[in-house]
Amino acid sequence: MSRVPVWVERKFSFDFPVEQYPNISIRLRGTPARLEDLLHNRSRELLTTKPQGKWSAQEHAGHLLDLESLWMARLDDYLNGRTVLTAADLNNSETTNANHNEHPLVGILGQFREARFRLVDRVETFEPERFSHSLVHPRLEKPTRLVDHLYFVAEHDDHHLALIWELINK
């Protein structure tokens, strides 16, 4: 049984100052290195074992990669005057259908690093006032500033890193 709280049950209070965006940006930039560090020199068997039919460590890594397109779409939402953020597929069909365990881990990690750097590099071009712009988050059903969304992404990263940590240290 995991000690990591269920993601979709998490509640968020976005009450920190918008000026925290550089700190959150550097946290996002560091996720690929933390992921690579967790998975480095682990056996293929350990990385692809699916306890109780749930995702393996490698599938969690693949899931992080899969969601980069959603995070980028949500950046577009902030830039294009939408009122509600693009909704996530809460069934995680892309990850389920991707068969990440059948692909080389090095490819997943490289693609994730590349996609994440594209996201963060793009965010770092925004003017500071952009980070206070709000849209409604579809699952949370509340206004979410761009800085809040980036925090949400960082928390999602850490959620999956914690699950991976549990899987590889049992």
N, C-alpha and C. Protein backbone atom coordinates (compact mmCIF):
# COMPACT_ATOMS: atom_id res chain seq x y z
N MET A 1 0.84 -1.19 0.00
CA MET A 1 0.00 0.00 0.00
C MET A 1 0.88 1.24 0.00
N SER A 2 0.59 2.17 -0.90
CA SER A 2 1.38 3.39 -1.03
C SER A 2 1.05 4.38 0.09
N ARG A 3 2.07 5.09 0.52
CA ARG A 3 1.87 6.17 1.50
C ARG A 3 1.71 7.52 0.80
N VAL A 4 1.84 7.51 -0.52
CA VAL A 4 1.70 8.74 -1.30
C VAL A 4 0.20 9.01 -1.49
N PRO A 5 -0.27 10.21 -1.12
CA PRO A 5 -1.70 10.51 -1.28
C PRO A 5 -2.15 10.38 -2.74
N VAL A 6 -3.39 9.99 -2.92
CA VAL A 6 -3.97 9.83 -4.26
C VAL A 6 -4.03 11.22 -4.91
N TRP A 7 -3.49 11.33 -6.12
CA TRP A 7 -3.35 12.62 -6.80
C TRP A 7 -4.69 13.33 -6.97
N VAL A 8 -5.68 12.64 -7.51
CA VAL A 8 -6.95 13.31 -7.83
C VAL A 8 -7.74 13.70 -6.59
N GLU A 9 -7.30 13.27 -5.43
CA GLU A 9 -7.95 13.67 -4.18
C GLU A 9 -7.28 14.87 -3.54
N ARG A 10 -6.14 15.29 -4.09
CA ARG A 10 -5.42 16.43 -3.53
C ARG A 10 -6.19 17.72 -3.72
N LYS A 11 -6.13 18.56 -2.72
CA LYS A 11 -6.69 19.91 -2.78
C LYS A 11 -5.51 20.87 -2.78
N PHE A 12 -5.69 22.01 -3.39
CA PHE A 12 -4.62 22.99 -3.48
C PHE A 12 -5.13 24.34 -3.02
N SER A 13 -4.31 25.03 -2.25
CA SER A 13 -4.60 26.43 -1.93
C SER A 13 -3.45 27.24 -2.50
N PHE A 14 -3.77 28.03 -3.47
CA PHE A 14 -2.76 28.82 -4.17
C PHE A 14 -2.70 30.21 -3.53
N ASP A 15 -2.05 30.26 -2.38
CA ASP A 15 -2.03 31.51 -1.64
C ASP A 15 -0.62 32.10 -1.49
N PHE A 16 0.28 31.67 -2.33
CA PHE A 16 1.64 32.19 -2.28
C PHE A 16 1.77 33.35 -3.27
N PRO A 17 2.76 34.19 -3.08
CA PRO A 17 2.91 35.34 -3.97
C PRO A 17 3.31 34.93 -5.39
N VAL A 18 2.79 35.66 -6.36
CA VAL A 18 3.08 35.39 -7.77
C VAL A 18 4.58 35.48 -8.04
N GLU A 19 5.30 36.24 -7.23
CA GLU A 19 6.74 36.42 -7.43
C GLU A 19 7.54 35.15 -7.19
N GLN A 20 6.88 34.07 -6.80
CA GLN A 20 7.55 32.79 -6.61
C GLN A 20 7.82 32.06 -7.93
N TYR A 21 7.38 32.63 -9.05
CA TYR A 21 7.52 31.90 -10.31
C TYR A 21 8.96 31.51 -10.66
N PRO A 22 10.00 32.31 -10.35
CA PRO A 22 11.35 31.82 -10.69
C PRO A 22 11.73 30.56 -9.89
N ASN A 23 11.30 30.49 -8.64
CA ASN A 23 11.59 29.31 -7.82
C ASN A 23 10.90 28.07 -8.37
N ILE A 24 9.66 28.25 -8.79
CA ILE A 24 8.91 27.12 -9.34
C ILE A 24 9.49 26.71 -10.68
N SER A 25 9.91 27.67 -11.46
CA SER A 25 10.52 27.38 -12.76
C SER A 25 11.78 26.53 -12.60
N ILE A 26 12.62 26.88 -11.64
CA ILE A 26 13.86 26.10 -11.45
C ILE A 26 13.55 24.71 -10.90
N ARG A 27 12.50 24.60 -10.11
CA ARG A 27 12.05 23.28 -9.63
C ARG A 27 11.63 22.42 -10.82
N LEU A 28 10.87 22.99 -11.75
CA LEU A 28 10.45 22.25 -12.94
C LEU A 28 11.65 21.85 -13.80
N ARG A 29 12.61 22.75 -13.92
CA ARG A 29 13.81 22.46 -14.71
C ARG A 29 14.61 21.31 -14.10
N GLY A 30 14.52 21.13 -12.80
CA GLY A 30 15.28 20.07 -12.14
C GLY A 30 14.65 18.69 -12.15
N THR A 31 13.39 18.60 -12.55
CA THR A 31 12.72 17.29 -12.52
C THR A 31 13.41 16.23 -13.36
N PRO A 32 13.83 16.51 -14.60
CA PRO A 32 14.49 15.45 -15.37
C PRO A 32 15.73 14.89 -14.66
N ALA A 33 16.53 15.74 -14.05
CA ALA A 33 17.73 15.26 -13.36
C ALA A 33 17.35 14.39 -12.15
N ARG A 34 16.33 14.81 -11.41
CA ARG A 34 15.90 14.01 -10.25
C ARG A 34 15.35 12.66 -10.69
N LEU A 35 14.59 12.66 -11.79
CA LEU A 35 14.05 11.41 -12.33
C LEU A 35 15.17 10.49 -12.78
N GLU A 36 16.13 11.03 -13.52
CA GLU A 36 17.26 10.23 -14.00
C GLU A 36 18.06 9.67 -12.82
N ASP A 37 18.24 10.48 -11.78
CA ASP A 37 18.97 10.03 -10.61
C ASP A 37 18.25 8.86 -9.92
N LEU A 38 16.94 8.94 -9.82
CA LEU A 38 16.17 7.86 -9.20
C LEU A 38 16.28 6.54 -9.96
N LEU A 39 16.30 6.62 -11.28
CA LEU A 39 16.23 5.41 -12.10
C LEU A 39 17.59 4.89 -12.56
N HIS A 40 18.63 5.68 -12.35
CA HIS A 40 19.97 5.32 -12.80
C HIS A 40 20.45 4.00 -12.17
N ASN A 41 21.01 3.14 -13.00
CA ASN A 41 21.60 1.86 -12.58
C ASN A 41 20.60 0.93 -11.88
N ARG A 42 19.34 1.02 -12.24
CA ARG A 42 18.33 0.09 -11.71
C ARG A 42 18.11 -1.00 -12.75
N SER A 43 17.82 -2.19 -12.28
CA SER A 43 17.62 -3.29 -13.22
C SER A 43 16.32 -3.10 -14.01
N ARG A 44 16.33 -3.62 -15.23
CA ARG A 44 15.13 -3.55 -16.06
C ARG A 44 13.95 -4.21 -15.35
N GLU A 45 14.24 -5.32 -14.67
CA GLU A 45 13.18 -6.02 -13.94
C GLU A 45 12.56 -5.12 -12.88
N LEU A 46 13.39 -4.43 -12.11
CA LEU A 46 12.88 -3.54 -11.07
C LEU A 46 12.07 -2.39 -11.69
N LEU A 47 12.56 -1.85 -12.80
CA LEU A 47 11.91 -0.70 -13.42
C LEU A 47 10.58 -1.04 -14.08
N THR A 48 10.41 -2.30 -14.50
CA THR A 48 9.20 -2.66 -15.25
C THR A 48 8.23 -3.54 -14.48
N THR A 49 8.53 -3.83 -13.23
CA THR A 49 7.61 -4.62 -12.40
C THR A 49 6.37 -3.80 -12.08
N LYS A 50 5.20 -4.44 -12.26
CA LYS A 50 3.92 -3.78 -12.04
C LYS A 50 3.25 -4.37 -10.81
N PRO A 51 3.47 -3.76 -9.64
CA PRO A 51 2.88 -4.31 -8.42
C PRO A 51 1.35 -4.19 -8.43
N GLN A 52 0.67 -5.27 -8.15
CA GLN A 52 -0.79 -5.33 -8.14
C GLN A 52 -1.41 -4.74 -9.40
N GLY A 53 -0.72 -4.90 -10.54
CA GLY A 53 -1.25 -4.42 -11.81
C GLY A 53 -1.18 -2.91 -12.00
N LYS A 54 -0.57 -2.21 -11.05
CA LYS A 54 -0.44 -0.75 -11.18
C LYS A 54 0.79 -0.41 -12.01
N TRP A 55 1.00 0.86 -12.27
CA TRP A 55 2.12 1.27 -13.10
C TRP A 55 3.46 0.91 -12.48
N SER A 56 4.38 0.56 -13.34
CA SER A 56 5.77 0.33 -12.95
C SER A 56 6.48 1.68 -12.81
N ALA A 57 7.70 1.63 -12.28
CA ALA A 57 8.51 2.85 -12.17
C ALA A 57 8.72 3.46 -13.56
N GLN A 58 8.99 2.63 -14.55
CA GLN A 58 9.22 3.13 -15.90
C GLN A 58 7.94 3.73 -16.49
N GLU A 59 6.80 3.16 -16.18
CA GLU A 59 5.54 3.72 -16.66
C GLU A 59 5.25 5.07 -16.01
N HIS A 60 5.62 5.22 -14.75
CA HIS A 60 5.48 6.55 -14.11
C HIS A 60 6.35 7.57 -14.84
N ALA A 61 7.57 7.18 -15.19
CA ALA A 61 8.45 8.08 -15.95
C ALA A 61 7.82 8.41 -17.30
N GLY A 62 7.26 7.41 -17.96
CA GLY A 62 6.60 7.64 -19.23
C GLY A 62 5.39 8.55 -19.09
N HIS A 63 4.69 8.42 -17.99
CA HIS A 63 3.53 9.28 -17.73
C HIS A 63 3.95 10.74 -17.62
N LEU A 64 5.07 11.00 -16.96
CA LEU A 64 5.57 12.38 -16.89
C LEU A 64 5.81 12.92 -18.29
N LEU A 65 6.39 12.11 -19.16
CA LEU A 65 6.60 12.50 -20.55
C LEU A 65 5.26 12.74 -21.25
N ASP A 66 4.32 11.83 -21.07
CA ASP A 66 3.03 11.94 -21.73
C ASP A 66 2.32 13.24 -21.41
N LEU A 67 2.47 13.74 -20.20
CA LEU A 67 1.73 14.93 -19.79
C LEU A 67 2.36 16.25 -20.24
N GLU A 68 3.56 16.19 -20.78
CA GLU A 68 4.19 17.43 -21.23
C GLU A 68 3.35 18.13 -22.30
N SER A 69 2.66 17.38 -23.14
CA SER A 69 1.80 18.01 -24.16
C SER A 69 0.62 18.73 -23.51
N LEU A 70 0.08 18.20 -22.42
CA LEU A 70 -1.00 18.88 -21.70
C LEU A 70 -0.49 20.17 -21.07
N TRP A 71 0.68 20.10 -20.44
CA TRP A 71 1.23 21.31 -19.81
C TRP A 71 1.47 22.39 -20.86
N MET A 72 1.97 22.01 -22.02
CA MET A 72 2.22 22.98 -23.09
C MET A 72 0.89 23.54 -23.61
N ALA A 73 -0.12 22.69 -23.75
CA ALA A 73 -1.44 23.16 -24.19
C ALA A 73 -2.00 24.16 -23.20
N ARG A 74 -1.77 23.93 -21.93
CA ARG A 74 -2.27 24.86 -20.92
C ARG A 74 -1.52 26.19 -20.97
N LEU A 75 -0.24 26.17 -21.31
CA LEU A 75 0.46 27.45 -21.52
C LEU A 75 -0.23 28.22 -22.64
N ASP A 76 -0.56 27.51 -23.73
CA ASP A 76 -1.28 28.14 -24.83
C ASP A 76 -2.62 28.72 -24.36
N ASP A 77 -3.29 28.00 -23.47
CA ASP A 77 -4.56 28.50 -22.93
C ASP A 77 -4.37 29.87 -22.27
N TYR A 78 -3.32 30.01 -21.48
CA TYR A 78 -3.05 31.28 -20.82
C TYR A 78 -2.72 32.38 -21.83
N LEU A 79 -2.04 32.01 -22.89
CA LEU A 79 -1.63 33.01 -23.88
C LEU A 79 -2.73 33.39 -24.85
N ASN A 80 -3.71 32.50 -25.04
CA ASN A 80 -4.72 32.69 -26.09
C ASN A 80 -6.08 33.13 -25.58
N GLY A 81 -6.14 33.59 -24.34
CA GLY A 81 -7.38 34.17 -23.85
C GLY A 81 -8.50 33.21 -23.54
N ARG A 82 -8.19 31.97 -23.31
CA ARG A 82 -9.25 31.02 -22.91
C ARG A 82 -9.73 31.35 -21.51
N THR A 83 -10.84 30.78 -21.11
CA THR A 83 -11.35 31.01 -19.75
C THR A 83 -11.15 29.79 -18.86
N VAL A 84 -11.02 28.62 -19.49
CA VAL A 84 -10.84 27.36 -18.76
C VAL A 84 -9.63 26.64 -19.34
N LEU A 85 -8.83 26.05 -18.47
CA LEU A 85 -7.66 25.29 -18.92
C LEU A 85 -8.10 24.01 -19.64
N THR A 86 -7.28 23.56 -20.57
CA THR A 86 -7.50 22.29 -21.24
C THR A 86 -7.62 21.18 -20.19
N ALA A 87 -8.62 20.35 -20.33
CA ALA A 87 -8.86 19.27 -19.36
C ALA A 87 -7.89 18.11 -19.58
N ALA A 88 -7.50 17.50 -18.48
CA ALA A 88 -6.66 16.30 -18.54
C ALA A 88 -7.55 15.09 -18.79
N ASP A 89 -6.96 14.05 -19.37
CA ASP A 89 -7.64 12.77 -19.50
C ASP A 89 -7.42 12.04 -18.17
N LEU A 90 -8.41 12.06 -17.31
CA LEU A 90 -8.25 11.47 -15.98
C LEU A 90 -8.16 9.95 -16.01
N ASN A 91 -8.42 9.34 -17.17
CA ASN A 91 -8.23 7.89 -17.33
C ASN A 91 -6.79 7.56 -17.72
N ASN A 92 -6.01 8.58 -18.05
CA ASN A 92 -4.60 8.40 -18.45
C ASN A 92 -4.45 7.40 -19.59
N SER A 93 -5.33 7.51 -20.58
CA SER A 93 -5.32 6.59 -21.72
C SER A 93 -3.99 6.59 -22.45
N GLU A 94 -3.38 7.75 -22.62
CA GLU A 94 -2.12 7.82 -23.36
C GLU A 94 -1.06 6.96 -22.68
N THR A 95 -0.95 7.07 -21.37
CA THR A 95 0.04 6.27 -20.64
C THR A 95 -0.31 4.79 -20.68
N THR A 96 -1.57 4.48 -20.48
CA THR A 96 -2.00 3.08 -20.50
C THR A 96 -1.70 2.44 -21.84
N ASN A 97 -1.91 3.17 -22.93
CA ASN A 97 -1.73 2.61 -24.27
C ASN A 97 -0.30 2.70 -24.80
N ALA A 98 0.57 3.41 -24.11
CA ALA A 98 1.92 3.67 -24.64
C ALA A 98 2.88 2.49 -24.50
N ASN A 99 2.58 1.55 -23.64
CA ASN A 99 3.48 0.41 -23.40
C ASN A 99 4.90 0.87 -23.10
N HIS A 100 5.02 1.80 -22.15
CA HIS A 100 6.33 2.35 -21.80
C HIS A 100 7.33 1.29 -21.37
N ASN A 101 6.87 0.19 -20.82
CA ASN A 101 7.79 -0.87 -20.40
C ASN A 101 8.48 -1.55 -21.58
N GLU A 102 7.93 -1.38 -22.77
CA GLU A 102 8.50 -2.00 -23.97
C GLU A 102 9.53 -1.11 -24.65
N HIS A 103 9.72 0.08 -24.15
CA HIS A 103 10.63 1.05 -24.77
C HIS A 103 11.88 1.22 -23.91
N PRO A 104 12.99 1.58 -24.52
CA PRO A 104 14.20 1.81 -23.73
C PRO A 104 14.02 3.00 -22.78
N LEU A 105 14.41 2.81 -21.54
CA LEU A 105 14.29 3.88 -20.55
C LEU A 105 15.05 5.12 -20.98
N VAL A 106 16.21 4.95 -21.57
CA VAL A 106 17.02 6.10 -21.97
C VAL A 106 16.26 6.99 -22.94
N GLY A 107 15.44 6.41 -23.79
CA GLY A 107 14.64 7.19 -24.73
C GLY A 107 13.55 7.98 -24.01
N ILE A 108 12.88 7.35 -23.07
CA ILE A 108 11.84 8.03 -22.29
C ILE A 108 12.45 9.22 -21.54
N LEU A 109 13.58 8.97 -20.89
CA LEU A 109 14.22 10.03 -20.10
C LEU A 109 14.70 11.17 -21.00
N GLY A 110 15.28 10.84 -22.14
CA GLY A 110 15.76 11.88 -23.06
C GLY A 110 14.62 12.72 -23.62
N GLN A 111 13.54 12.05 -24.00
CA GLN A 111 12.38 12.78 -24.53
C GLN A 111 11.74 13.66 -23.46
N PHE A 112 11.70 13.15 -22.23
CA PHE A 112 11.14 13.95 -21.14
C PHE A 112 11.99 15.19 -20.89
N ARG A 113 13.30 15.00 -20.83
CA ARG A 113 14.21 16.13 -20.60
C ARG A 113 14.02 17.19 -21.69
N GLU A 114 13.96 16.76 -22.93
CA GLU A 114 13.80 17.67 -24.05
C GLU A 114 12.47 18.42 -23.97
N ALA A 115 11.39 17.69 -23.72
CA ALA A 115 10.06 18.31 -23.64
C ALA A 115 9.97 19.27 -22.46
N ARG A 116 10.52 18.88 -21.33
CA ARG A 116 10.45 19.74 -20.15
C ARG A 116 11.24 21.02 -20.35
N PHE A 117 12.41 20.91 -20.97
CA PHE A 117 13.21 22.11 -21.21
C PHE A 117 12.50 23.04 -22.19
N ARG A 118 11.79 22.49 -23.18
CA ARG A 118 11.00 23.33 -24.09
C ARG A 118 9.96 24.11 -23.30
N LEU A 119 9.29 23.43 -22.37
CA LEU A 119 8.27 24.07 -21.55
C LEU A 119 8.87 25.19 -20.70
N VAL A 120 9.92 24.88 -19.97
CA VAL A 120 10.50 25.86 -19.05
C VAL A 120 11.16 27.00 -19.83
N ASP A 121 11.83 26.68 -20.92
CA ASP A 121 12.43 27.74 -21.73
C ASP A 121 11.35 28.71 -22.23
N ARG A 122 10.22 28.16 -22.59
CA ARG A 122 9.11 29.02 -23.06
C ARG A 122 8.60 29.89 -21.92
N VAL A 123 8.37 29.31 -20.76
CA VAL A 123 7.87 30.05 -19.59
C VAL A 123 8.82 31.19 -19.23
N GLU A 124 10.10 30.94 -19.36
CA GLU A 124 11.08 31.94 -18.96
C GLU A 124 11.12 33.15 -19.89
N THR A 125 10.40 33.09 -21.02
CA THR A 125 10.31 34.26 -21.92
C THR A 125 9.14 35.17 -21.55
N PHE A 126 8.27 34.72 -20.65
CA PHE A 126 7.07 35.49 -20.31
C PHE A 126 7.41 36.70 -19.46
N GLU A 127 6.66 37.76 -19.66
CA GLU A 127 6.77 38.95 -18.82
C GLU A 127 6.21 38.62 -17.44
N PRO A 128 6.77 39.21 -16.37
CA PRO A 128 6.33 38.88 -15.00
C PRO A 128 4.83 39.00 -14.77
N GLU A 129 4.17 39.97 -15.39
CA GLU A 129 2.73 40.14 -15.15
C GLU A 129 1.91 38.97 -15.70
N ARG A 130 2.44 38.22 -16.65
CA ARG A 130 1.73 37.07 -17.22
C ARG A 130 1.45 36.01 -16.16
N PHE A 131 2.30 35.89 -15.15
CA PHE A 131 2.18 34.82 -14.15
C PHE A 131 0.99 35.02 -13.21
N SER A 132 0.40 36.20 -13.20
CA SER A 132 -0.76 36.44 -12.35
C SER A 132 -2.09 36.23 -13.09
N HIS A 133 -2.02 35.99 -14.39
CA HIS A 133 -3.24 35.77 -15.19
C HIS A 133 -3.90 34.46 -14.74
N SER A 134 -5.24 34.47 -14.57
CA SER A 134 -5.97 33.30 -14.07
C SER A 134 -6.93 32.72 -15.10
N LEU A 135 -7.00 31.39 -15.08
CA LEU A 135 -8.02 30.63 -15.81
C LEU A 135 -8.60 29.61 -14.83
N VAL A 136 -9.75 29.09 -15.13
CA VAL A 136 -10.36 28.08 -14.26
C VAL A 136 -9.72 26.73 -14.56
N HIS A 137 -9.29 26.06 -13.49
CA HIS A 137 -8.76 24.69 -13.61
C HIS A 137 -9.96 23.74 -13.66
N PRO A 138 -10.06 22.88 -14.67
CA PRO A 138 -11.27 22.07 -14.84
C PRO A 138 -11.54 21.06 -13.72
N ARG A 139 -10.51 20.44 -13.15
CA ARG A 139 -10.74 19.48 -12.07
C ARG A 139 -10.89 20.18 -10.73
N LEU A 140 -10.05 21.16 -10.48
CA LEU A 140 -10.09 21.86 -9.20
C LEU A 140 -11.28 22.82 -9.11
N GLU A 141 -11.79 23.22 -10.28
CA GLU A 141 -12.94 24.12 -10.38
C GLU A 141 -12.72 25.42 -9.62
N LYS A 142 -11.54 26.01 -9.85
CA LYS A 142 -11.24 27.29 -9.22
C LYS A 142 -10.25 28.06 -10.07
N PRO A 143 -10.24 29.38 -9.91
CA PRO A 143 -9.28 30.19 -10.66
C PRO A 143 -7.85 29.77 -10.32
N THR A 144 -7.04 29.69 -11.35
CA THR A 144 -5.67 29.22 -11.21
C THR A 144 -4.76 30.16 -12.01
N ARG A 145 -3.91 30.87 -11.28
CA ARG A 145 -2.95 31.74 -11.97
C ARG A 145 -1.93 30.87 -12.70
N LEU A 146 -1.26 31.47 -13.67
CA LEU A 146 -0.21 30.73 -14.36
C LEU A 146 0.83 30.21 -13.37
N VAL A 147 1.22 31.02 -12.41
CA VAL A 147 2.18 30.57 -11.41
C VAL A 147 1.63 29.38 -10.61
N ASP A 148 0.32 29.37 -10.35
CA ASP A 148 -0.32 28.25 -9.64
C ASP A 148 -0.27 26.99 -10.50
N HIS A 149 -0.52 27.17 -11.79
CA HIS A 149 -0.47 26.02 -12.70
C HIS A 149 0.93 25.40 -12.71
N LEU A 150 1.95 26.25 -12.75
CA LEU A 150 3.32 25.73 -12.75
C LEU A 150 3.62 25.00 -11.45
N TYR A 151 3.11 25.51 -10.34
CA TYR A 151 3.25 24.83 -9.05
C TYR A 151 2.53 23.48 -9.09
N PHE A 152 1.36 23.45 -9.68
CA PHE A 152 0.59 22.21 -9.84
C PHE A 152 1.41 21.17 -10.61
N VAL A 153 2.06 21.61 -11.69
CA VAL A 153 2.90 20.71 -12.48
C VAL A 153 4.05 20.18 -11.63
N ALA A 154 4.69 21.07 -10.87
CA ALA A 154 5.81 20.65 -10.01
C ALA A 154 5.35 19.65 -8.96
N GLU A 155 4.18 19.89 -8.40
CA GLU A 155 3.63 18.95 -7.41
C GLU A 155 3.30 17.61 -8.06
N HIS A 156 2.79 17.65 -9.28
CA HIS A 156 2.50 16.41 -10.01
C HIS A 156 3.79 15.63 -10.26
N ASP A 157 4.84 16.35 -10.66
CA ASP A 157 6.15 15.71 -10.83
C ASP A 157 6.56 15.00 -9.55
N ASP A 158 6.51 15.73 -8.44
CA ASP A 158 6.95 15.17 -7.15
C ASP A 158 6.08 14.00 -6.71
N HIS A 159 4.81 14.05 -7.03
CA HIS A 159 3.90 12.93 -6.73
C HIS A 159 4.42 11.65 -7.39
N HIS A 160 4.76 11.75 -8.67
CA HIS A 160 5.23 10.56 -9.38
C HIS A 160 6.65 10.17 -8.97
N LEU A 161 7.48 11.13 -8.65
CA LEU A 161 8.82 10.79 -8.14
C LEU A 161 8.70 10.04 -6.81
N ALA A 162 7.78 10.44 -5.96
CA ALA A 162 7.56 9.75 -4.69
C ALA A 162 7.07 8.32 -4.92
N LEU A 163 6.17 8.14 -5.87
CA LEU A 163 5.69 6.79 -6.19
C LEU A 163 6.82 5.92 -6.74
N ILE A 164 7.64 6.50 -7.60
CA ILE A 164 8.81 5.77 -8.13
C ILE A 164 9.73 5.39 -6.98
N TRP A 165 9.99 6.32 -6.09
CA TRP A 165 10.87 6.05 -4.92
C TRP A 165 10.33 4.85 -4.13
N GLU A 166 9.04 4.82 -3.90
CA GLU A 166 8.45 3.67 -3.19
C GLU A 166 8.68 2.38 -3.95
N LEU A 167 8.46 2.40 -5.25
CA LEU A 167 8.58 1.19 -6.07
C LEU A 167 10.00 0.64 -6.08
N ILE A 168 10.98 1.50 -6.18
CA ILE A 168 12.36 1.02 -6.33
C ILE A 168 13.03 0.75 -4.99
N ASN A 169 12.38 1.11 -3.89
CA ASN A 169 12.96 0.91 -2.57
C ASN A 169 12.18 -0.06 -1.70
N LYS A 170 11.32 -0.86 -2.31
CA LYS A 170 10.58 -1.86 -1.53
C LYS A 170 11.46 -3.03 -1.19
